[in-house]
Amino acid sequence: MKNKEFFISHWNKEMKRTLGAIKGLPSDIGKWEFKPDPKSRTAKQIIGHILPHAEELKNAVDSKIIDEKEVHFKSVDEAHKYYETHSLQLIDKLKNVDDETWENKMVSLTVNGNKIYEGKMMDMYWVLLHDTIHHRGQLSTYYRQMGVRVPSIYGPTAEDMEAMMAAAAAAAK
């Protein structure tokens, strides 16, 4: 499997996990203002940072510029639809990128119109996928404190384990 196909495979897997994390957010968007420390981002800022990565990467297929932006969402459903739509469009666009472009074309990262750095397309895309995973993990520590159940991302949650243990105990009786 070539690097681009490996990336697409991983994007697909992580997209599903991110969509599950989005669905786990509280429906009361006022709770998205939670942050555990004054230096931390709010849950709203985290999703406003990571969900646009799909659109930014999709656009960079043509422009070769990843133009970071923050997007604000009014509901869980809006955030879910936005991320899913742009992720699927990204995957479709990447399927048409040739290996030479993927492996060697330089892509810039800009924030607020300022070029931060540049790297090969494949490297930059992997960085933003890993950034999504990193911040999604950060967000996963907020759920209980926002008063909602932690969604399963890579395996059973504490609540899932409690239910499985209770079921096993009941079955053993």
Protein backbone atom coordinates (compact mmCIF):
# COMPACT_ATOMS: atom_id res chain seq x y z
CA MET A 1 0.00 0.00 0.00
CA LYS A 2 1.37 3.40 -0.98
CA ASN A 3 1.53 6.30 1.45
CA LYS A 4 -1.47 8.13 -0.03
CA GLU A 5 -3.69 5.04 0.18
CA PHE A 6 -2.46 4.45 3.73
CA PHE A 7 -3.37 8.04 4.60
CA ILE A 8 -6.85 7.70 3.07
CA SER A 9 -7.38 4.48 5.01
CA HIS A 10 -6.37 6.16 8.25
CA TRP A 11 -8.38 9.31 7.53
CA ASN A 12 -11.45 7.11 7.04
CA LYS A 13 -10.91 5.33 10.36
CA GLU A 14 -10.18 8.50 12.30
CA MET A 15 -13.07 10.33 10.59
CA LYS A 16 -15.48 7.76 12.03
CA ARG A 17 -13.94 8.17 15.48
CA THR A 18 -14.11 11.95 15.22
CA LEU A 19 -17.74 11.78 14.08
CA GLY A 20 -18.48 9.66 17.18
CA ALA A 21 -16.74 12.24 19.35
CA ILE A 22 -18.84 14.99 17.77
CA LYS A 23 -22.06 13.05 18.41
CA GLY A 24 -20.97 12.70 22.04
CA LEU A 25 -20.88 16.45 22.61
CA PRO A 26 -23.60 17.92 24.83
CA SER A 27 -26.63 19.14 22.90
CA ASP A 28 -26.57 22.24 25.13
CA ILE A 29 -23.91 24.23 23.27
CA GLY A 30 -23.49 26.47 26.31
CA LYS A 31 -21.59 23.56 27.83
CA TRP A 32 -19.11 23.78 24.94
CA GLU A 33 -17.62 26.80 26.73
CA PHE A 34 -16.05 24.43 29.26
CA LYS A 35 -12.29 24.43 29.67
CA PRO A 36 -10.42 22.81 32.55
CA ASP A 37 -7.78 25.53 32.92
CA PRO A 38 -7.51 29.19 31.92
CA LYS A 39 -4.73 28.31 29.44
CA SER A 40 -6.80 25.52 27.84
CA ARG A 41 -9.06 25.91 24.85
CA THR A 42 -12.77 25.54 25.35
CA ALA A 43 -14.51 22.51 23.85
CA LYS A 44 -16.02 24.95 21.33
CA GLN A 45 -12.56 26.18 20.35
CA ILE A 46 -11.23 22.65 19.99
CA ILE A 47 -13.95 21.53 17.62
CA GLY A 48 -13.74 24.88 15.84
CA HIS A 49 -10.04 24.16 15.30
CA ILE A 50 -10.00 20.48 14.31
CA LEU A 51 -13.18 20.05 12.27
CA PRO A 52 -12.11 22.58 9.62
CA HIS A 53 -8.98 20.52 8.91
CA ALA A 54 -11.03 18.39 6.51
CA GLU A 55 -12.11 21.43 4.50
CA GLU A 56 -8.65 23.01 4.69
CA LEU A 57 -7.00 19.86 3.36
CA LYS A 58 -9.66 19.42 0.69
CA ASN A 59 -9.04 22.97 -0.55
CA ALA A 60 -5.26 22.53 -0.40
CA VAL A 61 -5.42 19.68 -2.93
CA ASP A 62 -5.88 22.42 -5.55
CA SER A 63 -4.40 25.54 -3.91
CA LYS A 64 -1.42 23.88 -2.16
CA ILE A 65 -2.16 26.17 0.78
CA ILE A 66 -3.63 24.90 4.04
CA ASP A 67 -5.36 28.03 5.27
CA GLU A 68 -6.25 27.38 8.91
CA LYS A 69 -9.44 28.94 10.15
CA GLU A 70 -11.75 28.51 13.09
CA VAL A 71 -15.38 27.62 12.42
CA HIS A 72 -18.18 28.09 14.95
CA PHE A 73 -21.03 25.61 15.08
CA LYS A 74 -24.54 26.09 16.43
CA SER A 75 -25.33 22.42 17.06
CA VAL A 76 -23.94 18.92 17.25
CA ASP A 77 -25.75 18.05 14.01
CA GLU A 78 -24.28 21.05 12.17
CA ALA A 79 -20.74 20.16 13.32
CA HIS A 80 -21.26 16.49 12.41
CA LYS A 81 -22.61 17.25 8.93
CA TYR A 82 -19.85 19.81 8.22
CA TYR A 83 -17.03 17.45 9.17
CA GLU A 84 -18.51 14.43 7.44
CA THR A 85 -19.21 16.34 4.22
CA HIS A 86 -15.73 17.85 3.96
CA SER A 87 -14.02 14.60 4.98
CA LEU A 88 -15.77 12.64 2.25
CA GLN A 89 -14.98 15.36 -0.30
CA LEU A 90 -11.33 15.32 0.82
CA ILE A 91 -11.12 11.58 0.29
CA ASP A 92 -12.65 11.88 -3.19
CA LYS A 93 -10.18 14.63 -4.16
CA LEU A 94 -7.17 12.73 -2.80
CA LYS A 95 -7.99 9.70 -4.92
CA ASN A 96 -7.15 11.82 -7.98
CA VAL A 97 -3.81 13.11 -6.67
CA ASP A 98 -0.86 11.40 -8.37
CA ASP A 99 1.97 9.91 -6.31
CA GLU A 100 4.53 12.49 -7.47
CA THR A 101 2.32 15.37 -6.26
CA TRP A 102 1.45 13.61 -2.99
CA GLU A 103 5.08 12.78 -2.21
CA ASN A 104 6.90 15.89 -3.44
CA LYS A 105 4.64 18.91 -4.00
CA MET A 106 5.21 21.61 -1.39
CA VAL A 107 2.19 22.81 0.57
CA SER A 108 2.13 25.87 2.84
CA LEU A 109 0.36 26.22 6.16
CA THR A 110 -1.05 29.68 6.82
CA VAL A 111 -2.78 31.00 9.92
CA ASN A 112 -4.58 34.35 9.68
CA GLY A 113 -2.92 34.88 6.31
CA ASN A 114 0.59 34.37 7.70
CA LYS A 115 2.72 31.55 6.31
CA ILE A 116 3.84 29.44 9.26
CA TYR A 117 5.76 26.74 7.42
CA GLU A 118 5.65 24.45 4.44
CA GLY A 119 6.35 20.84 3.72
CA LYS A 120 5.66 18.06 1.30
CA MET A 121 1.96 17.45 0.74
CA MET A 122 1.97 14.02 2.36
CA ASP A 123 3.81 15.30 5.43
CA MET A 124 1.48 18.26 5.89
CA TYR A 125 -1.63 16.10 5.53
CA TRP A 126 -0.35 13.61 8.09
CA VAL A 127 0.43 16.49 10.48
CA LEU A 128 -3.15 17.75 10.33
CA LEU A 129 -4.57 14.25 10.76
CA HIS A 130 -2.39 13.82 13.85
CA ASP A 131 -3.40 17.28 15.07
CA THR A 132 -7.04 16.19 14.83
CA ILE A 133 -6.31 13.03 16.81
CA HIS A 134 -4.32 14.97 19.42
CA HIS A 135 -7.00 17.58 20.04
CA ARG A 136 -9.80 15.01 19.90
CA GLY A 137 -7.99 13.25 22.75
CA GLN A 138 -7.84 16.55 24.61
CA LEU A 139 -11.57 16.99 24.02
CA SER A 140 -12.26 13.48 25.30
CA THR A 141 -11.14 14.58 28.77
CA TYR A 142 -13.87 17.26 28.82
CA TYR A 143 -17.00 15.14 28.36
CA ARG A 144 -17.64 14.05 31.94
CA GLN A 145 -16.88 17.55 33.18
CA MET A 146 -19.46 18.87 30.68
CA GLY A 147 -21.98 16.42 32.16
CA VAL A 148 -22.14 13.90 29.31
CA ARG A 149 -20.92 10.38 28.78
CA VAL A 150 -17.49 9.93 27.19
CA PRO A 151 -17.95 8.50 23.70
CA SER A 152 -16.12 5.34 22.76
CA ILE A 153 -13.21 6.36 20.54
CA TYR A 154 -10.65 3.54 20.61
CA GLY A 155 -12.42 1.09 22.86
CA PRO A 156 -14.85 0.71 25.75
CA THR A 157 -15.38 3.62 28.11
CA ALA A 158 -15.67 3.25 31.88
CA GLU A 159 -19.46 3.11 31.47
CA ASP A 160 -19.14 0.43 28.79
CA MET A 161 -16.87 -1.63 31.05
CA GLU A 162 -19.28 -1.26 33.98
CA ALA A 163 -22.16 -2.48 31.81
CA MET A 164 -20.11 -5.42 30.50
CA MET A 165 -19.04 -6.40 34.03
CA ALA A 166 -22.64 -6.16 35.28
CA ALA A 167 -23.84 -8.28 32.35
CA ALA A 168 -21.12 -10.87 33.02
CA ALA A 169 -21.99 -10.97 36.72
CA ALA A 170 -25.70 -11.37 35.94
CA ALA A 171 -24.94 -14.15 33.46
CA ALA A 172 -22.82 -15.96 36.04
CA LYS A 173 -25.72 -16.17 38.53
